[in-house]
Amino acid sequence: MNCLIIDDNQIARLTLIQLLALDPTLNLIGECDNATEGYHKILTNPIDLLLLDIEMPGMSGIELVKSLGQNQPMIIFTTAKRDYAVEAFDLRVVDFIVKPVSPARFLQSIEKAKEILTTKKNKVSEVPDEFIFIRDSNTVRRLKLNEILFLEAMGDYVKIAVHEKIYSIHSSLKSVEDKLPNHIFLRVHRSYIINVSKIDTIEGGTLIIDKNLVPVSDAFRAALNKRVQIL
């Protein structure tokens, strides 16, 4: 998990660096002594977790979070004052730690962040009607919906087939199906969802899509026939 520290107090930063070293899965990307520098580092680096002070000269930690909008990483506020707790949690941060930060309290917050990251990992998010975003290894990749040929359940993974390329994401087929527009995609088998516009031929209980054979189960055959409107 890539971490960034933003705090104007050098001793506080050194403390957090030592605490990060307690967990080998935490990778320190950098440290900043002001929110403006931190803002630019967030935009140019893959940051998963931000350890952020609130009261700093210039831009405050809360102002920084608001400026990031939907692009913000997970955030743990570390501050000397409890007064900001309500406002901080309104920003949907992972946790709010009052300084001095103890190792036990720090690791408790890290576990919360890991749980959130695990939930988000390999999930599909949709931009309606045009694109989906998938996590492919450590890269979030945008796929055009009209490039997707079909999706296939493979155990705990879903295979997404495009022309001459396969992507695999850690998810259930049902979870992915719920995020796809049903005017484009159709389930034809308990293990397959297809892009209807990509069907080349239908031969009995099999579809041919870009030279790939996709089975159609009896339970979904009527829905397929209605959808393709055979003349």
C-alpha atoms as a PDB file:
ATOM      1  CA  MET A   1       0.000   0.000   0.000  1.00  0.00           C
ATOM      2  CA  ASN A   2       1.583   3.281  -1.141  1.00  0.00           C
ATOM      3  CA  CYS A   3       1.541   5.935   1.586  1.00  0.00           C
ATOM      4  CA  LEU A   4       2.191   9.673   1.695  1.00  0.00           C
ATOM      5  CA  ILE A   5       2.746  11.755   4.839  1.00  0.00           C
ATOM      6  CA  ILE A   6       1.717  15.426   4.912  1.00  0.00           C
ATOM      7  CA  ASP A   7       2.495  17.275   8.145  1.00  0.00           C
ATOM      8  CA  ASP A   8       4.239  20.565   8.803  1.00  0.00           C
ATOM      9  CA  ASN A   9       5.825  19.186  11.992  1.00  0.00           C
ATOM     10  CA  GLN A  10       9.107  17.377  11.354  1.00  0.00           C
ATOM     11  CA  ILE A  11       8.936  15.313  14.538  1.00  0.00           C
ATOM     12  CA  ALA A  12       5.406  14.177  13.658  1.00  0.00           C
ATOM     13  CA  ARG A  13       6.605  13.123  10.213  1.00  0.00           C
ATOM     14  CA  LEU A  14       9.530  11.166  11.694  1.00  0.00           C
ATOM     15  CA  THR A  15       7.148   9.422  14.096  1.00  0.00           C
ATOM     16  CA  LEU A  16       4.868   8.367  11.239  1.00  0.00           C
ATOM     17  CA  ILE A  17       7.841   7.138   9.205  1.00  0.00           C
ATOM     18  CA  GLN A  18       8.867   4.914  12.122  1.00  0.00           C
ATOM     19  CA  LEU A  19       5.308   3.636  12.507  1.00  0.00           C
ATOM     20  CA  LEU A  20       5.038   2.833   8.804  1.00  0.00           C
ATOM     21  CA  ALA A  21       8.164   0.694   9.135  1.00  0.00           C
ATOM     22  CA  LEU A  22       6.260  -1.581  11.535  1.00  0.00           C
ATOM     23  CA  ASP A  23       4.282  -3.009   8.623  1.00  0.00           C
ATOM     24  CA  PRO A  24       6.303  -4.272   5.634  1.00  0.00           C
ATOM     25  CA  THR A  25       3.270  -3.978   3.346  1.00  0.00           C
ATOM     26  CA  LEU A  26       3.334  -0.197   3.686  1.00  0.00           C
ATOM     27  CA  ASN A  27       5.433   1.660   1.130  1.00  0.00           C
ATOM     28  CA  LEU A  28       6.334   5.266   1.882  1.00  0.00           C
ATOM     29  CA  ILE A  29       6.158   7.265  -1.348  1.00  0.00           C
ATOM     30  CA  GLY A  30       7.224  10.509   0.277  1.00  0.00           C
ATOM     31  CA  GLU A  31       6.675  13.158   2.935  1.00  0.00           C
ATOM     32  CA  CYS A  32       5.583  16.782   2.583  1.00  0.00           C
ATOM     33  CA  ASP A  33       5.581  19.652   5.042  1.00  0.00           C
ATOM     34  CA  ASN A  34       2.654  21.454   3.418  1.00  0.00           C
ATOM     35  CA  ALA A  35      -0.627  20.603   1.726  1.00  0.00           C
ATOM     36  CA  THR A  36       0.163  22.338  -1.562  1.00  0.00           C
ATOM     37  CA  GLU A  37       3.218  20.165  -2.179  1.00  0.00           C
ATOM     38  CA  GLY A  38       1.198  17.155  -1.083  1.00  0.00           C
ATOM     39  CA  TYR A  39      -1.572  17.983  -3.536  1.00  0.00           C
ATOM     40  CA  HIS A  40       0.835  17.862  -6.485  1.00  0.00           C
ATOM     41  CA  LYS A  41       2.448  14.654  -5.230  1.00  0.00           C
ATOM     42  CA  ILE A  42      -0.969  12.988  -4.999  1.00  0.00           C
ATOM     43  CA  LEU A  43      -1.754  13.954  -8.588  1.00  0.00           C
ATOM     44  CA  THR A  44       1.529  12.587  -9.916  1.00  0.00           C
ATOM     45  CA  ASN A  45       1.993   9.418  -7.826  1.00  0.00           C
ATOM     46  CA  PRO A  46      -0.088   6.296  -7.153  1.00  0.00           C
ATOM     47  CA  ILE A  47      -1.067   7.035  -3.538  1.00  0.00           C
ATOM     48  CA  ASP A  48      -3.310   4.555  -1.706  1.00  0.00           C
ATOM     49  CA  LEU A  49      -3.194   6.073   1.774  1.00  0.00           C
ATOM     50  CA  LEU A  50      -2.637   9.622   2.948  1.00  0.00           C
ATOM     51  CA  LEU A  51      -1.504  10.330   6.532  1.00  0.00           C
ATOM     52  CA  LEU A  52      -2.615  13.912   6.856  1.00  0.00           C
ATOM     53  CA  ASP A  53      -2.323  16.637   9.467  1.00  0.00           C
ATOM     54  CA  ILE A  54      -5.148  19.178   9.616  1.00  0.00           C
ATOM     55  CA  GLU A  55      -3.726  22.454  10.924  1.00  0.00           C
ATOM     56  CA  MET A  56      -0.936  23.575   8.608  1.00  0.00           C
ATOM     57  CA  PRO A  57       0.182  26.949   7.237  1.00  0.00           C
ATOM     58  CA  GLY A  58      -1.595  27.853   3.996  1.00  0.00           C
ATOM     59  CA  MET A  59      -3.920  25.082   2.901  1.00  0.00           C
ATOM     60  CA  SER A  60      -5.297  22.967   5.745  1.00  0.00           C
ATOM     61  CA  GLY A  61      -5.658  19.216   5.601  1.00  0.00           C
ATOM     62  CA  ILE A  62      -9.432  19.494   5.344  1.00  0.00           C
ATOM     63  CA  GLU A  63      -9.127  21.992   2.484  1.00  0.00           C
ATOM     64  CA  LEU A  64      -6.761  19.600   0.722  1.00  0.00           C
ATOM     65  CA  VAL A  65      -9.245  16.741   0.955  1.00  0.00           C
ATOM     66  CA  LYS A  66     -12.043  18.916  -0.418  1.00  0.00           C
ATOM     67  CA  SER A  67      -9.839  20.038  -3.297  1.00  0.00           C
ATOM     68  CA  LEU A  68      -9.163  16.426  -4.325  1.00  0.00           C
ATOM     69  CA  GLY A  69     -12.845  15.619  -4.784  1.00  0.00           C
ATOM     70  CA  GLN A  70     -13.403  12.116  -6.179  1.00  0.00           C
ATOM     71  CA  ASN A  71      -9.672  11.627  -6.818  1.00  0.00           C
ATOM     72  CA  GLN A  72      -8.706  11.343  -3.173  1.00  0.00           C
ATOM     73  CA  PRO A  73      -6.839   8.339  -1.778  1.00  0.00           C
ATOM     74  CA  MET A  74      -7.821   6.798   1.554  1.00  0.00           C
ATOM     75  CA  ILE A  75      -7.118   9.273   4.335  1.00  0.00           C
ATOM     76  CA  ILE A  76      -6.142   8.978   7.982  1.00  0.00           C
ATOM     77  CA  PHE A  77      -6.128  12.331   9.749  1.00  0.00           C
ATOM     78  CA  THR A  78      -3.444  12.761  12.411  1.00  0.00           C
ATOM     79  CA  THR A  79      -3.993  15.910  14.448  1.00  0.00           C
ATOM     80  CA  ALA A  80      -3.403  17.381  17.880  1.00  0.00           C
ATOM     81  CA  LYS A  81      -7.018  18.586  18.216  1.00  0.00           C
ATOM     82  CA  ARG A  82     -10.192  16.550  18.607  1.00  0.00           C
ATOM     83  CA  ASP A  83     -12.360  19.497  17.500  1.00  0.00           C
ATOM     84  CA  TYR A  84     -12.116  18.506  13.837  1.00  0.00           C
ATOM     85  CA  ALA A  85     -13.379  14.946  14.269  1.00  0.00           C
ATOM     86  CA  VAL A  86     -16.969  15.509  13.096  1.00  0.00           C
ATOM     87  CA  GLU A  87     -15.939  17.537  10.046  1.00  0.00           C
ATOM     88  CA  ALA A  88     -13.229  15.013   9.213  1.00  0.00           C
ATOM     89  CA  PHE A  89     -15.556  12.005   9.261  1.00  0.00           C
ATOM     90  CA  ASP A  90     -18.055  13.916   7.119  1.00  0.00           C
ATOM     91  CA  LEU A  91     -15.347  13.693   4.450  1.00  0.00           C
ATOM     92  CA  ARG A  92     -15.509   9.882   4.682  1.00  0.00           C
ATOM     93  CA  VAL A  93     -11.959   9.441   5.907  1.00  0.00           C
ATOM     94  CA  VAL A  94     -10.680   6.080   7.114  1.00  0.00           C
ATOM     95  CA  ASP A  95      -9.826   7.268  10.615  1.00  0.00           C
ATOM     96  CA  PHE A  96      -9.035  10.231  12.853  1.00  0.00           C
ATOM     97  CA  ILE A  97      -6.086   9.851  15.229  1.00  0.00           C
ATOM     98  CA  VAL A  98      -5.267  12.367  17.942  1.00  0.00           C
ATOM     99  CA  LYS A  99      -1.546  12.976  18.458  1.00  0.00           C
ATOM    100  CA  PRO A 100       0.632  11.637  19.913  1.00  0.00           C
ATOM    101  CA  VAL A 101       0.092   8.588  17.709  1.00  0.00           C
ATOM    102  CA  SER A 102       0.715   5.296  19.498  1.00  0.00           C
ATOM    103  CA  PRO A 103       1.832   2.182  17.598  1.00  0.00           C
ATOM    104  CA  ALA A 104      -1.305   0.263  18.626  1.00  0.00           C
ATOM    105  CA  ARG A 105      -3.644   3.038  17.508  1.00  0.00           C
ATOM    106  CA  PHE A 106      -1.717   3.480  14.261  1.00  0.00           C
ATOM    107  CA  LEU A 107      -1.854  -0.207  13.357  1.00  0.00           C
ATOM    108  CA  GLN A 108      -5.570  -0.266  14.162  1.00  0.00           C
ATOM    109  CA  SER A 109      -6.120   2.476  11.586  1.00  0.00           C
ATOM    110  CA  ILE A 110      -3.950   0.692   9.044  1.00  0.00           C
ATOM    111  CA  GLU A 111      -6.105  -2.424   9.399  1.00  0.00           C
ATOM    112  CA  LYS A 112      -9.186  -0.329   8.613  1.00  0.00           C
ATOM    113  CA  ALA A 113      -7.464   1.011   5.510  1.00  0.00           C
ATOM    114  CA  LYS A 114      -6.483  -2.492   4.408  1.00  0.00           C
ATOM    115  CA  GLU A 115     -10.066  -3.704   4.758  1.00  0.00           C
ATOM    116  CA  ILE A 116     -11.290  -0.829   2.587  1.00  0.00           C
ATOM    117  CA  LEU A 117      -8.577  -1.440   0.003  1.00  0.00           C
ATOM    118  CA  THR A 118      -9.423  -5.141  -0.125  1.00  0.00           C
ATOM    119  CA  THR A 119     -13.069  -4.299  -0.726  1.00  0.00           C
ATOM    120  CA  LYS A 120     -12.193  -1.895  -3.525  1.00  0.00           C
ATOM    121  CA  LYS A 121      -9.547  -4.049  -5.115  1.00  0.00           C
ATOM    122  CA  ASN A 122     -10.376  -5.580  -8.460  1.00  0.00           C
ATOM    123  CA  LYS A 123     -13.849  -4.134  -8.455  1.00  0.00           C
ATOM    124  CA  VAL A 124     -15.457  -2.786 -11.577  1.00  0.00           C
ATOM    125  CA  SER A 125     -16.774   0.761 -11.556  1.00  0.00           C
ATOM    126  CA  GLU A 126     -18.888   2.123 -14.320  1.00  0.00           C
ATOM    127  CA  VAL A 127     -19.064   5.335 -16.258  1.00  0.00           C
ATOM    128  CA  PRO A 128     -22.628   4.980 -17.610  1.00  0.00           C
ATOM    129  CA  ASP A 129     -23.103   3.931 -21.222  1.00  0.00           C
ATOM    130  CA  GLU A 130     -19.567   4.579 -22.384  1.00  0.00           C
ATOM    131  CA  PHE A 131     -16.789   3.075 -20.289  1.00  0.00           C
ATOM    132  CA  ILE A 132     -15.967   0.821 -17.396  1.00  0.00           C
ATOM    133  CA  PHE A 133     -12.841   0.936 -15.283  1.00  0.00           C
ATOM    134  CA  ILE A 134     -11.158  -2.270 -14.159  1.00  0.00           C
ATOM    135  CA  ARG A 135      -8.187  -2.933 -11.939  1.00  0.00           C
ATOM    136  CA  ASP A 136      -5.698  -4.914 -14.026  1.00  0.00           C
ATOM    137  CA  SER A 137      -2.850  -5.904 -11.654  1.00  0.00           C
ATOM    138  CA  ASN A 138      -1.711  -2.527 -10.269  1.00  0.00           C
ATOM    139  CA  THR A 139      -3.206  -0.511 -13.107  1.00  0.00           C
ATOM    140  CA  VAL A 140      -6.709   0.922 -13.325  1.00  0.00           C
ATOM    141  CA  ARG A 141      -7.642   0.544 -16.956  1.00  0.00           C
ATOM    142  CA  ARG A 142     -10.485   2.110 -18.927  1.00  0.00           C
ATOM    143  CA  LEU A 143     -12.377  -0.128 -21.333  1.00  0.00           C
ATOM    144  CA  LYS A 144     -14.939   1.040 -23.844  1.00  0.00           C
ATOM    145  CA  LEU A 145     -18.133  -0.918 -23.439  1.00  0.00           C
ATOM    146  CA  ASN A 146     -18.425  -1.453 -27.181  1.00  0.00           C
ATOM    147  CA  GLU A 147     -15.007  -3.152 -27.198  1.00  0.00           C
ATOM    148  CA  ILE A 148     -16.074  -5.870 -24.757  1.00  0.00           C
ATOM    149  CA  LEU A 149     -17.043  -9.133 -26.463  1.00  0.00           C
ATOM    150  CA  PHE A 150     -18.129 -11.207 -23.488  1.00  0.00           C
ATOM    151  CA  LEU A 151     -17.441 -11.903 -19.832  1.00  0.00           C
ATOM    152  CA  GLU A 152     -16.836 -15.327 -18.340  1.00  0.00           C
ATOM    153  CA  ALA A 153     -16.888 -16.459 -14.709  1.00  0.00           C
ATOM    154  CA  MET A 154     -13.695 -18.320 -13.756  1.00  0.00           C
ATOM    155  CA  GLY A 155     -13.903 -19.294 -10.073  1.00  0.00           C
ATOM    156  CA  ASP A 156     -13.305 -16.144  -7.994  1.00  0.00           C
ATOM    157  CA  TYR A 157     -12.413 -14.180 -11.122  1.00  0.00           C
ATOM    158  CA  VAL A 158     -14.201 -12.769 -14.140  1.00  0.00           C
ATOM    159  CA  LYS A 159     -12.539 -12.915 -17.527  1.00  0.00           C
ATOM    160  CA  ILE A 160     -13.276  -9.908 -19.751  1.00  0.00           C
ATOM    161  CA  ALA A 161     -12.686 -10.639 -23.435  1.00  0.00           C
ATOM    162  CA  VAL A 162     -11.949  -7.935 -25.973  1.00  0.00           C
ATOM    163  CA  HIS A 163     -10.522  -8.425 -29.451  1.00  0.00           C
ATOM    164  CA  GLU A 164      -7.269 -10.432 -29.107  1.00  0.00           C
ATOM    165  CA  LYS A 165      -6.978  -9.592 -25.405  1.00  0.00           C
ATOM    166  CA  ILE A 166      -8.197 -11.009 -22.079  1.00  0.00           C
ATOM    167  CA  TYR A 167      -8.377  -9.176 -18.730  1.00  0.00           C
ATOM    168  CA  SER A 168      -9.079 -10.882 -15.409  1.00  0.00           C
ATOM    169  CA  ILE A 169     -10.559  -9.177 -12.361  1.00  0.00           C
ATOM    170  CA  HIS A 170     -11.243 -10.539  -8.889  1.00  0.00           C
ATOM    171  CA  SER A 171     -15.022 -10.385  -8.655  1.00  0.00           C
ATOM    172  CA  SER A 172     -18.206 -12.400  -9.082  1.00  0.00           C
ATOM    173  CA  LEU A 173     -20.038 -12.374 -12.397  1.00  0.00           C
ATOM    174  CA  LYS A 174     -23.205 -11.183 -10.629  1.00  0.00           C
ATOM    175  CA  SER A 175     -21.380  -8.203  -9.146  1.00  0.00           C
ATOM    176  CA  VAL A 176     -20.043  -7.216 -12.567  1.00  0.00           C
ATOM    177  CA  GLU A 177     -23.425  -7.784 -14.209  1.00  0.00           C
ATOM    178  CA  ASP A 178     -25.046  -5.318 -11.804  1.00  0.00           C
ATOM    179  CA  LYS A 179     -22.673  -2.609 -13.034  1.00  0.00           C
ATOM    180  CA  LEU A 180     -23.182  -3.178 -16.752  1.00  0.00           C
ATOM    181  CA  PRO A 181     -25.976  -1.528 -18.794  1.00  0.00           C
ATOM    182  CA  ASN A 182     -28.524  -4.185 -19.678  1.00  0.00           C
ATOM    183  CA  HIS A 183     -29.337  -2.584 -23.029  1.00  0.00           C
ATOM    184  CA  ILE A 184     -25.851  -3.627 -24.179  1.00  0.00           C
ATOM    185  CA  PHE A 185     -25.135  -6.814 -22.244  1.00  0.00           C
ATOM    186  CA  LEU A 186     -27.121  -9.997 -21.696  1.00  0.00           C
ATOM    187  CA  ARG A 187     -26.507 -13.075 -19.576  1.00  0.00           C
ATOM    188  CA  VAL A 188     -26.795 -16.201 -21.719  1.00  0.00           C
ATOM    189  CA  HIS A 189     -25.381 -18.765 -19.270  1.00  0.00           C
ATOM    190  CA  ARG A 190     -24.648 -18.885 -15.566  1.00  0.00           C
ATOM    191  CA  SER A 191     -20.988 -18.345 -16.474  1.00  0.00           C
ATOM    192  CA  TYR A 192     -21.314 -15.966 -19.442  1.00  0.00           C
ATOM    193  CA  ILE A 193     -22.491 -12.432 -20.200  1.00  0.00           C
ATOM    194  CA  ILE A 194     -22.278 -11.222 -23.778  1.00  0.00           C
ATOM    195  CA  ASN A 195     -22.285  -7.949 -25.641  1.00  0.00           C
ATOM    196  CA  VAL A 196     -25.319  -8.582 -27.875  1.00  0.00           C
ATOM    197  CA  SER A 197     -23.963  -6.410 -30.670  1.00  0.00           C
ATOM    198  CA  LYS A 198     -20.896  -8.650 -30.978  1.00  0.00           C
ATOM    199  CA  ILE A 199     -22.756 -11.852 -31.910  1.00  0.00           C
ATOM    200  CA  ASP A 200     -21.587 -13.132 -35.294  1.00  0.00           C
ATOM    201  CA  THR A 201     -23.689 -16.288 -35.545  1.00  0.00           C
ATOM    202  CA  ILE A 202     -26.001 -18.470 -33.459  1.00  0.00           C
ATOM    203  CA  GLU A 203     -25.631 -22.196 -34.032  1.00  0.00           C
ATOM    204  CA  GLY A 204     -27.989 -24.225 -31.854  1.00  0.00           C
ATOM    205  CA  GLY A 205     -26.909 -23.674 -28.282  1.00  0.00           C
ATOM    206  CA  THR A 206     -23.699 -21.871 -29.161  1.00  0.00           C
ATOM    207  CA  LEU A 207     -22.855 -18.281 -30.045  1.00  0.00           C
ATOM    208  CA  ILE A 208     -19.826 -17.355 -32.106  1.00  0.00           C
ATOM    209  CA  ILE A 209     -18.355 -14.023 -31.064  1.00  0.00           C
ATOM    210  CA  ASP A 210     -15.122 -12.959 -32.736  1.00  0.00           C
ATOM    211  CA  LYS A 211     -14.256 -16.645 -33.339  1.00  0.00           C
ATOM    212  CA  ASN A 212     -14.969 -17.519 -29.689  1.00  0.00           C
ATOM    213  CA  LEU A 213     -17.589 -20.141 -28.799  1.00  0.00           C
ATOM    214  CA  VAL A 214     -19.999 -19.070 -26.065  1.00  0.00           C
ATOM    215  CA  PRO A 215     -22.620 -21.522 -24.743  1.00  0.00           C
ATOM    216  CA  VAL A 216     -26.266 -20.562 -24.307  1.00  0.00           C
ATOM    217  CA  SER A 217     -28.163 -22.405 -21.588  1.00  0.00           C
ATOM    218  CA  ASP A 218     -31.848 -23.308 -21.905  1.00  0.00           C
ATOM    219  CA  ALA A 219     -32.727 -20.974 -19.031  1.00  0.00           C
ATOM    220  CA  PHE A 220     -31.566 -17.933 -21.016  1.00  0.00           C
ATOM    221  CA  ARG A 221     -32.466 -18.979 -24.554  1.00  0.00           C
ATOM    222  CA  ALA A 222     -35.856 -17.227 -24.624  1.00  0.00           C
ATOM    223  CA  ALA A 223     -34.359 -13.937 -23.433  1.00  0.00           C
ATOM    224  CA  LEU A 224     -31.685 -14.177 -26.134  1.00  0.00           C
ATOM    225  CA  ASN A 225     -34.217 -14.900 -28.893  1.00  0.00           C
ATOM    226  CA  LYS A 226     -36.314 -11.938 -27.799  1.00  0.00           C
ATOM    227  CA  ARG A 227     -33.304  -9.670 -27.679  1.00  0.00           C
ATOM    228  CA  VAL A 228     -31.820 -10.435 -31.099  1.00  0.00           C
ATOM    229  CA  GLN A 229     -35.204 -10.234 -32.882  1.00  0.00           C
ATOM    230  CA  ILE A 230     -34.534 -12.888 -35.519  1.00  0.00           C
ATOM    231  CA  LEU A 231     -36.376 -12.202 -38.788  1.00  0.00           C
END
